[in-house]
Amino acid sequence: METTLAELAGVAGLRWTIEICFGTAKEELGLDHCEARSWDGWHRHMTLCMAALAFLARLRAELVRSAASKPNETSPGAVAVAA
């Protein structure tokens, strides 16, 4: 199986997104605070941090989606309709 140039370019384009992901995990979830003494311990720590990051990303997406579907009750349009 050979990888096409378009596929390689697509993966290379994800580098910044991946950097943001790891930066968030380091800042918010302690990804860089691991002091494991074994590969198993390191792997558990990384797995838990990545699972927590995935959970928070999904929660954020759901909150954004639900906020977008609800009218903003403090907006001028909502106040005019209520009056």
PDB file of N, CA and C in Angstrom:
ATOM      1  N   MET A   1       0.848  -1.180   0.000  1.00  0.00           N
ATOM      2  CA  MET A   1       0.000   0.000   0.000  1.00  0.00           C
ATOM      3  C   MET A   1       0.890   1.238   0.000  1.00  0.00           C
ATOM      4  N   GLU A   2       0.634   2.122  -0.915  1.00  0.00           N
ATOM      5  CA  GLU A   2       1.416   3.344  -1.000  1.00  0.00           C
ATOM      6  C   GLU A   2       0.565   4.542  -0.596  1.00  0.00           C
ATOM      7  N   THR A   3       1.213   5.468   0.055  1.00  0.00           N
ATOM      8  CA  THR A   3       0.543   6.688   0.477  1.00  0.00           C
ATOM      9  C   THR A   3       0.705   7.744  -0.612  1.00  0.00           C
ATOM     10  N   THR A   4      -0.392   8.372  -0.957  1.00  0.00           N
ATOM     11  CA  THR A   4      -0.333   9.398  -1.998  1.00  0.00           C
ATOM     12  C   THR A   4       0.180  10.709  -1.423  1.00  0.00           C
ATOM     13  N   LEU A   5       0.618  11.570  -2.298  1.00  0.00           N
ATOM     14  CA  LEU A   5       1.109  12.881  -1.886  1.00  0.00           C
ATOM     15  C   LEU A   5      -0.006  13.696  -1.225  1.00  0.00           C
ATOM     16  N   ALA A   6      -1.221  13.553  -1.708  1.00  0.00           N
ATOM     17  CA  ALA A   6      -2.362  14.275  -1.124  1.00  0.00           C
ATOM     18  C   ALA A   6      -2.615  13.815   0.312  1.00  0.00           C
ATOM     19  N   GLU A   7      -2.491  12.515   0.565  1.00  0.00           N
ATOM     20  CA  GLU A   7      -2.685  12.003   1.927  1.00  0.00           C
ATOM     21  C   GLU A   7      -1.597  12.516   2.862  1.00  0.00           C
ATOM     22  N   LEU A   8      -0.362  12.532   2.393  1.00  0.00           N
ATOM     23  CA  LEU A   8       0.738  13.057   3.205  1.00  0.00           C
ATOM     24  C   LEU A   8       0.544  14.539   3.508  1.00  0.00           C
ATOM     25  N   ALA A   9       0.098  15.293   2.528  1.00  0.00           N
ATOM     26  CA  ALA A   9      -0.150  16.720   2.736  1.00  0.00           C
ATOM     27  C   ALA A   9      -1.282  16.927   3.739  1.00  0.00           C
ATOM     28  N   GLY A  10      -2.304  16.085   3.663  1.00  0.00           N
ATOM     29  CA  GLY A  10      -3.413  16.185   4.612  1.00  0.00           C
ATOM     30  C   GLY A  10      -2.977  15.927   6.035  1.00  0.00           C
ATOM     31  N   VAL A  11      -2.134  14.923   6.219  1.00  0.00           N
ATOM     32  CA  VAL A  11      -1.629  14.606   7.555  1.00  0.00           C
ATOM     33  C   VAL A  11      -0.711  15.715   8.051  1.00  0.00           C
ATOM     34  N   ALA A  12       0.136  16.236   7.179  1.00  0.00           N
ATOM     35  CA  ALA A  12       1.030  17.326   7.564  1.00  0.00           C
ATOM     36  C   ALA A  12       0.236  18.563   7.973  1.00  0.00           C
ATOM     37  N   GLY A  13      -0.908  18.767   7.355  1.00  0.00           N
ATOM     38  CA  GLY A  13      -1.754  19.905   7.697  1.00  0.00           C
ATOM     39  C   GLY A  13      -2.386  19.798   9.071  1.00  0.00           C
ATOM     40  N   LEU A  14      -2.422  18.608   9.632  1.00  0.00           N
ATOM     41  CA  LEU A  14      -2.999  18.406  10.964  1.00  0.00           C
ATOM     42  C   LEU A  14      -2.009  18.694  12.088  1.00  0.00           C
ATOM     43  N   ARG A  15      -0.763  18.974  11.739  1.00  0.00           N
ATOM     44  CA  ARG A  15       0.268  19.147  12.763  1.00  0.00           C
ATOM     45  C   ARG A  15      -0.105  20.230  13.773  1.00  0.00           C
ATOM     46  N   TRP A  16      -0.593  21.363  13.304  1.00  0.00           N
ATOM     47  CA  TRP A  16      -0.927  22.456  14.216  1.00  0.00           C
ATOM     48  C   TRP A  16      -2.075  22.061  15.146  1.00  0.00           C
ATOM     49  N   THR A  17      -3.057  21.367  14.628  1.00  0.00           N
ATOM     50  CA  THR A  17      -4.172  20.899  15.454  1.00  0.00           C
ATOM     51  C   THR A  17      -3.672  19.955  16.539  1.00  0.00           C
ATOM     52  N   ILE A  18      -2.752  19.083  16.184  1.00  0.00           N
ATOM     53  CA  ILE A  18      -2.188  18.143  17.153  1.00  0.00           C
ATOM     54  C   ILE A  18      -1.385  18.889  18.210  1.00  0.00           C
ATOM     55  N   GLU A  19      -0.616  19.901  17.809  1.00  0.00           N
ATOM     56  CA  GLU A  19       0.150  20.709  18.762  1.00  0.00           C
ATOM     57  C   GLU A  19      -0.780  21.412  19.756  1.00  0.00           C
ATOM     58  N   ILE A  20      -1.890  21.943  19.264  1.00  0.00           N
ATOM     59  CA  ILE A  20      -2.874  22.592  20.141  1.00  0.00           C
ATOM     60  C   ILE A  20      -3.442  21.577  21.128  1.00  0.00           C
ATOM     61  N   CYS A  21      -3.746  20.394  20.640  1.00  0.00           N
ATOM     62  CA  CYS A  21      -4.296  19.330  21.483  1.00  0.00           C
ATOM     63  C   CYS A  21      -3.334  18.987  22.618  1.00  0.00           C
ATOM     64  N   PHE A  22      -2.067  18.773  22.296  1.00  0.00           N
ATOM     65  CA  PHE A  22      -1.087  18.434  23.324  1.00  0.00           C
ATOM     66  C   PHE A  22      -0.838  19.610  24.265  1.00  0.00           C
ATOM     67  N   GLY A  23      -0.837  20.824  23.742  1.00  0.00           N
ATOM     68  CA  GLY A  23      -0.667  21.993  24.603  1.00  0.00           C
ATOM     69  C   GLY A  23      -1.795  22.118  25.612  1.00  0.00           C
ATOM     70  N   THR A  24      -3.017  21.899  25.171  1.00  0.00           N
ATOM     71  CA  THR A  24      -4.169  21.936  26.072  1.00  0.00           C
ATOM     72  C   THR A  24      -4.068  20.834  27.116  1.00  0.00           C
ATOM     73  N   ALA A  25      -3.686  19.648  26.692  1.00  0.00           N
ATOM     74  CA  ALA A  25      -3.555  18.527  27.630  1.00  0.00           C
ATOM     75  C   ALA A  25      -2.469  18.803  28.665  1.00  0.00           C
ATOM     76  N   LYS A  26      -1.401  19.468  28.264  1.00  0.00           N
ATOM     77  CA  LYS A  26      -0.338  19.800  29.210  1.00  0.00           C
ATOM     78  C   LYS A  26      -0.805  20.848  30.213  1.00  0.00           C
ATOM     79  N   GLU A  27      -1.471  21.885  29.721  1.00  0.00           N
ATOM     80  CA  GLU A  27      -1.889  22.982  30.589  1.00  0.00           C
ATOM     81  C   GLU A  27      -3.045  22.602  31.503  1.00  0.00           C
ATOM     82  N   GLU A  28      -4.046  21.948  30.961  1.00  0.00           N
ATOM     83  CA  GLU A  28      -5.286  21.718  31.691  1.00  0.00           C
ATOM     84  C   GLU A  28      -5.359  20.372  32.407  1.00  0.00           C
ATOM     85  N   LEU A  29      -4.667  19.368  31.889  1.00  0.00           N
ATOM     86  CA  LEU A  29      -4.857  18.017  32.409  1.00  0.00           C
ATOM     87  C   LEU A  29      -3.597  17.393  32.990  1.00  0.00           C
ATOM     88  N   GLY A  30      -2.499  18.102  33.012  1.00  0.00           N
ATOM     89  CA  GLY A  30      -1.283  17.576  33.619  1.00  0.00           C
ATOM     90  C   GLY A  30      -0.559  16.527  32.801  1.00  0.00           C
ATOM     91  N   LEU A  31      -0.682  16.598  31.495  1.00  0.00           N
ATOM     92  CA  LEU A  31      -0.008  15.617  30.647  1.00  0.00           C
ATOM     93  C   LEU A  31       1.499  15.620  30.881  1.00  0.00           C
ATOM     94  N   ASP A  32       2.064  16.780  31.157  1.00  0.00           N
ATOM     95  CA  ASP A  32       3.512  16.880  31.346  1.00  0.00           C
ATOM     96  C   ASP A  32       3.957  16.696  32.796  1.00  0.00           C
ATOM     97  N   HIS A  33       3.057  16.326  33.685  1.00  0.00           N
ATOM     98  CA  HIS A  33       3.407  16.137  35.091  1.00  0.00           C
ATOM     99  C   HIS A  33       3.620  14.681  35.460  1.00  0.00           C
ATOM    100  N   CYS A  34       3.794  13.849  34.489  1.00  0.00           N
ATOM    101  CA  CYS A  34       3.961  12.421  34.738  1.00  0.00           C
ATOM    102  C   CYS A  34       5.383  12.134  35.218  1.00  0.00           C
ATOM    103  N   GLU A  35       5.498  11.416  36.320  1.00  0.00           N
ATOM    104  CA  GLU A  35       6.794  10.973  36.824  1.00  0.00           C
ATOM    105  C   GLU A  35       6.799   9.456  36.935  1.00  0.00           C
ATOM    106  N   ALA A  36       6.285   8.815  35.920  1.00  0.00           N
ATOM    107  CA  ALA A  36       6.184   7.353  35.927  1.00  0.00           C
ATOM    108  C   ALA A  36       7.573   6.728  35.881  1.00  0.00           C
ATOM    109  N   ARG A  37       7.697   5.595  36.540  1.00  0.00           N
ATOM    110  CA  ARG A  37       8.972   4.878  36.567  1.00  0.00           C
ATOM    111  C   ARG A  37       8.961   3.657  35.665  1.00  0.00           C
ATOM    112  N   SER A  38       7.838   3.440  35.019  1.00  0.00           N
ATOM    113  CA  SER A  38       7.752   2.293  34.112  1.00  0.00           C
ATOM    114  C   SER A  38       6.965   2.702  32.873  1.00  0.00           C
ATOM    115  N   TRP A  39       7.123   1.905  31.827  1.00  0.00           N
ATOM    116  CA  TRP A  39       6.379   2.175  30.609  1.00  0.00           C
ATOM    117  C   TRP A  39       4.890   2.032  30.874  1.00  0.00           C
ATOM    118  N   ASP A  40       4.502   1.029  31.670  1.00  0.00           N
ATOM    119  CA  ASP A  40       3.079   0.832  31.972  1.00  0.00           C
ATOM    120  C   ASP A  40       2.494   2.046  32.687  1.00  0.00           C
ATOM    121  N   GLY A  41       3.220   2.588  33.658  1.00  0.00           N
ATOM    122  CA  GLY A  41       2.744   3.765  34.373  1.00  0.00           C
ATOM    123  C   GLY A  41       2.627   4.973  33.468  1.00  0.00           C
ATOM    124  N   TRP A  42       3.631   5.171  32.609  1.00  0.00           N
ATOM    125  CA  TRP A  42       3.588   6.278  31.658  1.00  0.00           C
ATOM    126  C   TRP A  42       2.404   6.118  30.720  1.00  0.00           C
ATOM    127  N   HIS A  43       2.203   4.893  30.238  1.00  0.00           N
ATOM    128  CA  HIS A  43       1.118   4.633  29.291  1.00  0.00           C
ATOM    129  C   HIS A  43      -0.240   4.874  29.945  1.00  0.00           C
ATOM    130  N   ARG A  44      -0.408   4.468  31.185  1.00  0.00           N
ATOM    131  CA  ARG A  44      -1.675   4.716  31.898  1.00  0.00           C
ATOM    132  C   ARG A  44      -1.932   6.210  32.040  1.00  0.00           C
ATOM    133  N   HIS A  45      -0.900   6.949  32.423  1.00  0.00           N
ATOM    134  CA  HIS A  45      -1.048   8.399  32.597  1.00  0.00           C
ATOM    135  C   HIS A  45      -1.449   9.068  31.279  1.00  0.00           C
ATOM    136  N   MET A  46      -0.765   8.725  30.205  1.00  0.00           N
ATOM    137  CA  MET A  46      -1.073   9.308  28.901  1.00  0.00           C
ATOM    138  C   MET A  46      -2.483   8.930  28.445  1.00  0.00           C
ATOM    139  N   THR A  47      -2.859   7.681  28.672  1.00  0.00           N
ATOM    140  CA  THR A  47      -4.191   7.221  28.271  1.00  0.00           C
ATOM    141  C   THR A  47      -5.278   7.975  29.025  1.00  0.00           C
ATOM    142  N   LEU A  48      -5.107   8.137  30.332  1.00  0.00           N
ATOM    143  CA  LEU A  48      -6.111   8.861  31.124  1.00  0.00           C
ATOM    144  C   LEU A  48      -6.191  10.332  30.718  1.00  0.00           C
ATOM    145  N   CYS A  49      -5.053  10.956  30.475  1.00  0.00           N
ATOM    146  CA  CYS A  49      -5.065  12.359  30.037  1.00  0.00           C
ATOM    147  C   CYS A  49      -5.757  12.516  28.688  1.00  0.00           C
ATOM    148  N   MET A  50      -5.472  11.630  27.763  1.00  0.00           N
ATOM    149  CA  MET A  50      -6.092  11.724  26.436  1.00  0.00           C
ATOM    150  C   MET A  50      -7.590  11.414  26.502  1.00  0.00           C
ATOM    151  N   ALA A  51      -7.987  10.470  27.372  1.00  0.00           N
ATOM    152  CA  ALA A  51      -9.414  10.175  27.538  1.00  0.00           C
ATOM    153  C   ALA A  51     -10.130  11.380  28.144  1.00  0.00           C
ATOM    154  N   ALA A  52      -9.501  12.027  29.130  1.00  0.00           N
ATOM    155  CA  ALA A  52     -10.095  13.220  29.736  1.00  0.00           C
ATOM    156  C   ALA A  52     -10.204  14.346  28.714  1.00  0.00           C
ATOM    157  N   LEU A  53      -9.190  14.498  27.879  1.00  0.00           N
ATOM    158  CA  LEU A  53      -9.226  15.532  26.846  1.00  0.00           C
ATOM    159  C   LEU A  53     -10.336  15.264  25.837  1.00  0.00           C
ATOM    160  N   ALA A  54     -10.510  14.011  25.456  1.00  0.00           N
ATOM    161  CA  ALA A  54     -11.589  13.655  24.521  1.00  0.00           C
ATOM    162  C   ALA A  54     -12.951  13.931  25.146  1.00  0.00           C
ATOM    163  N   PHE A  55     -13.104  13.607  26.434  1.00  0.00           N
ATOM    164  CA  PHE A  55     -14.361  13.868  27.135  1.00  0.00           C
ATOM    165  C   PHE A  55     -14.658  15.364  27.157  1.00  0.00           C
ATOM    166  N   LEU A  56     -13.656  16.167  27.499  1.00  0.00           N
ATOM    167  CA  LEU A  56     -13.862  17.613  27.572  1.00  0.00           C
ATOM    168  C   LEU A  56     -14.137  18.217  26.198  1.00  0.00           C
ATOM    169  N   ALA A  57     -13.496  17.699  25.167  1.00  0.00           N
ATOM    170  CA  ALA A  57     -13.750  18.198  23.810  1.00  0.00           C
ATOM    171  C   ALA A  57     -15.182  17.903  23.388  1.00  0.00           C
ATOM    172  N   ARG A  58     -15.660  16.714  23.707  1.00  0.00           N
ATOM    173  CA  ARG A  58     -17.038  16.367  23.351  1.00  0.00           C
ATOM    174  C   ARG A  58     -18.033  17.201  24.160  1.00  0.00           C
ATOM    175  N   LEU A  59     -17.757  17.373  25.446  1.00  0.00           N
ATOM    176  CA  LEU A  59     -18.630  18.186  26.288  1.00  0.00           C
ATOM    177  C   LEU A  59     -18.688  19.622  25.771  1.00  0.00           C
ATOM    178  N   ARG A  60     -17.539  20.164  25.394  1.00  0.00           N
ATOM    179  CA  ARG A  60     -17.507  21.527  24.857  1.00  0.00           C
ATOM    180  C   ARG A  60     -18.313  21.624  23.567  1.00  0.00           C
ATOM    181  N   ALA A  61     -18.166  20.644  22.695  1.00  0.00           N
ATOM    182  CA  ALA A  61     -18.908  20.651  21.431  1.00  0.00           C
ATOM    183  C   ALA A  61     -20.410  20.587  21.680  1.00  0.00           C
ATOM    184  N   GLU A  62     -20.830  19.781  22.642  1.00  0.00           N
ATOM    185  CA  GLU A  62     -22.259  19.687  22.961  1.00  0.00           C
ATOM    186  C   GLU A  62     -22.780  20.993  23.541  1.00  0.00           C
ATOM    187  N   LEU A  63     -21.982  21.636  24.398  1.00  0.00           N
ATOM    188  CA  LEU A  63     -22.405  22.910  24.980  1.00  0.00           C
ATOM    189  C   LEU A  63     -22.497  24.002  23.922  1.00  0.00           C
ATOM    190  N   VAL A  64     -21.546  24.030  23.012  1.00  0.00           N
ATOM    191  CA  VAL A  64     -21.586  25.017  21.927  1.00  0.00           C
ATOM    192  C   VAL A  64     -22.807  24.772  21.055  1.00  0.00           C
ATOM    193  N   ARG A  65     -23.070  23.512  20.740  1.00  0.00           N
ATOM    194  CA  ARG A  65     -24.223  23.173  19.898  1.00  0.00           C
ATOM    195  C   ARG A  65     -25.529  23.554  20.593  1.00  0.00           C
ATOM    196  N   SER A  66     -25.653  23.265  21.894  1.00  0.00           N
ATOM    197  CA  SER A  66     -26.903  23.587  22.588  1.00  0.00           C
ATOM    198  C   SER A  66     -27.057  25.097  22.770  1.00  0.00           C
ATOM    199  N   ALA A  67     -25.954  25.805  22.975  1.00  0.00           N
ATOM    200  CA  ALA A  67     -26.033  27.263  23.112  1.00  0.00           C
ATOM    201  C   ALA A  67     -26.415  27.912  21.790  1.00  0.00           C
ATOM    202  N   ALA A  68     -25.962  27.351  20.695  1.00  0.00           N
ATOM    203  CA  ALA A  68     -26.292  27.910  19.383  1.00  0.00           C
ATOM    204  C   ALA A  68     -27.757  27.696  19.038  1.00  0.00           C
ATOM    205  N   SER A  69     -28.357  26.651  19.576  1.00  0.00           N
ATOM    206  CA  SER A  69     -29.756  26.368  19.249  1.00  0.00           C
ATOM    207  C   SER A  69     -30.731  27.143  20.127  1.00  0.00           C
ATOM    208  N   LYS A  70     -30.254  27.714  21.230  1.00  0.00           N
ATOM    209  CA  LYS A  70     -31.118  28.485  22.124  1.00  0.00           C
ATOM    210  C   LYS A  70     -30.960  29.974  21.829  1.00  0.00           C
ATOM    211  N   PRO A  71     -32.047  30.721  21.846  1.00  0.00           N
ATOM    212  CA  PRO A  71     -31.909  32.173  21.659  1.00  0.00           C
ATOM    213  C   PRO A  71     -31.267  32.796  22.893  1.00  0.00           C
ATOM    214  N   ASN A  72     -30.491  33.817  22.682  1.00  0.00           N
ATOM    215  CA  ASN A  72     -29.859  34.529  23.777  1.00  0.00           C
ATOM    216  C   ASN A  72     -30.900  35.441  24.417  1.00  0.00           C
ATOM    217  N   GLU A  73     -31.265  35.152  25.656  1.00  0.00           N
ATOM    218  CA  GLU A  73     -32.337  35.900  26.313  1.00  0.00           C
ATOM    219  C   GLU A  73     -31.940  37.326  26.663  1.00  0.00           C
ATOM    220  N   THR A  74     -30.654  37.635  26.618  1.00  0.00           N
ATOM    221  CA  THR A  74     -30.228  38.996  26.941  1.00  0.00           C
ATOM    222  C   THR A  74     -29.971  39.825  25.690  1.00  0.00           C
ATOM    223  N   SER A  75     -30.196  39.254  24.521  1.00  0.00           N
ATOM    224  CA  SER A  75     -29.967  40.020  23.295  1.00  0.00           C
ATOM    225  C   SER A  75     -31.104  41.020  23.085  1.00  0.00           C
ATOM    226  N   PRO A  76     -30.843  42.123  22.402  1.00  0.00           N
ATOM    227  CA  PRO A  76     -31.891  43.130  22.171  1.00  0.00           C
ATOM    228  C   PRO A  76     -33.106  42.561  21.450  1.00  0.00           C
ATOM    229  N   GLY A  77     -32.897  41.640  20.537  1.00  0.00           N
ATOM    230  CA  GLY A  77     -34.024  41.048  19.820  1.00  0.00           C
ATOM    231  C   GLY A  77     -34.940  40.263  20.742  1.00  0.00           C
ATOM    232  N   ALA A  78     -34.365  39.544  21.691  1.00  0.00           N
ATOM    233  CA  ALA A  78     -35.165  38.746  22.618  1.00  0.00           C
ATOM    234  C   ALA A  78     -35.934  39.652  23.572  1.00  0.00           C
ATOM    235  N   VAL A  79     -35.334  40.760  23.985  1.00  0.00           N
ATOM    236  CA  VAL A  79     -36.012  41.692  24.885  1.00  0.00           C
ATOM    237  C   VAL A  79     -37.186  42.342  24.164  1.00  0.00           C
ATOM    238  N   ALA A  80     -37.007  42.703  22.899  1.00  0.00           N
ATOM    239  CA  ALA A  80     -38.077  43.341  22.132  1.00  0.00           C
ATOM    240  C   ALA A  80     -39.240  42.377  21.927  1.00  0.00           C
ATOM    241  N   VAL A  81     -38.942  41.108  21.705  1.00  0.00           N
ATOM    242  CA  VAL A  81     -40.000  40.116  21.507  1.00  0.00           C
ATOM    243  C   VAL A  81     -40.752  39.884  22.807  1.00  0.00           C
ATOM    244  N   ALA A  82     -40.034  39.879  23.928  1.00  0.00           N
ATOM    245  CA  ALA A  82     -40.664  39.633  25.221  1.00  0.00           C
ATOM    246  C   ALA A  82     -41.543  40.809  25.642  1.00  0.00           C
ATOM    247  N   ALA A  83     -41.232  42.007  25.212  1.00  0.00           N
ATOM    248  CA  ALA A  83     -41.973  43.204  25.631  1.00  0.00           C
ATOM    249  C   ALA A  83     -43.244  43.340  24.912  1.00  0.00           C
TER     250      ALA A  83
END
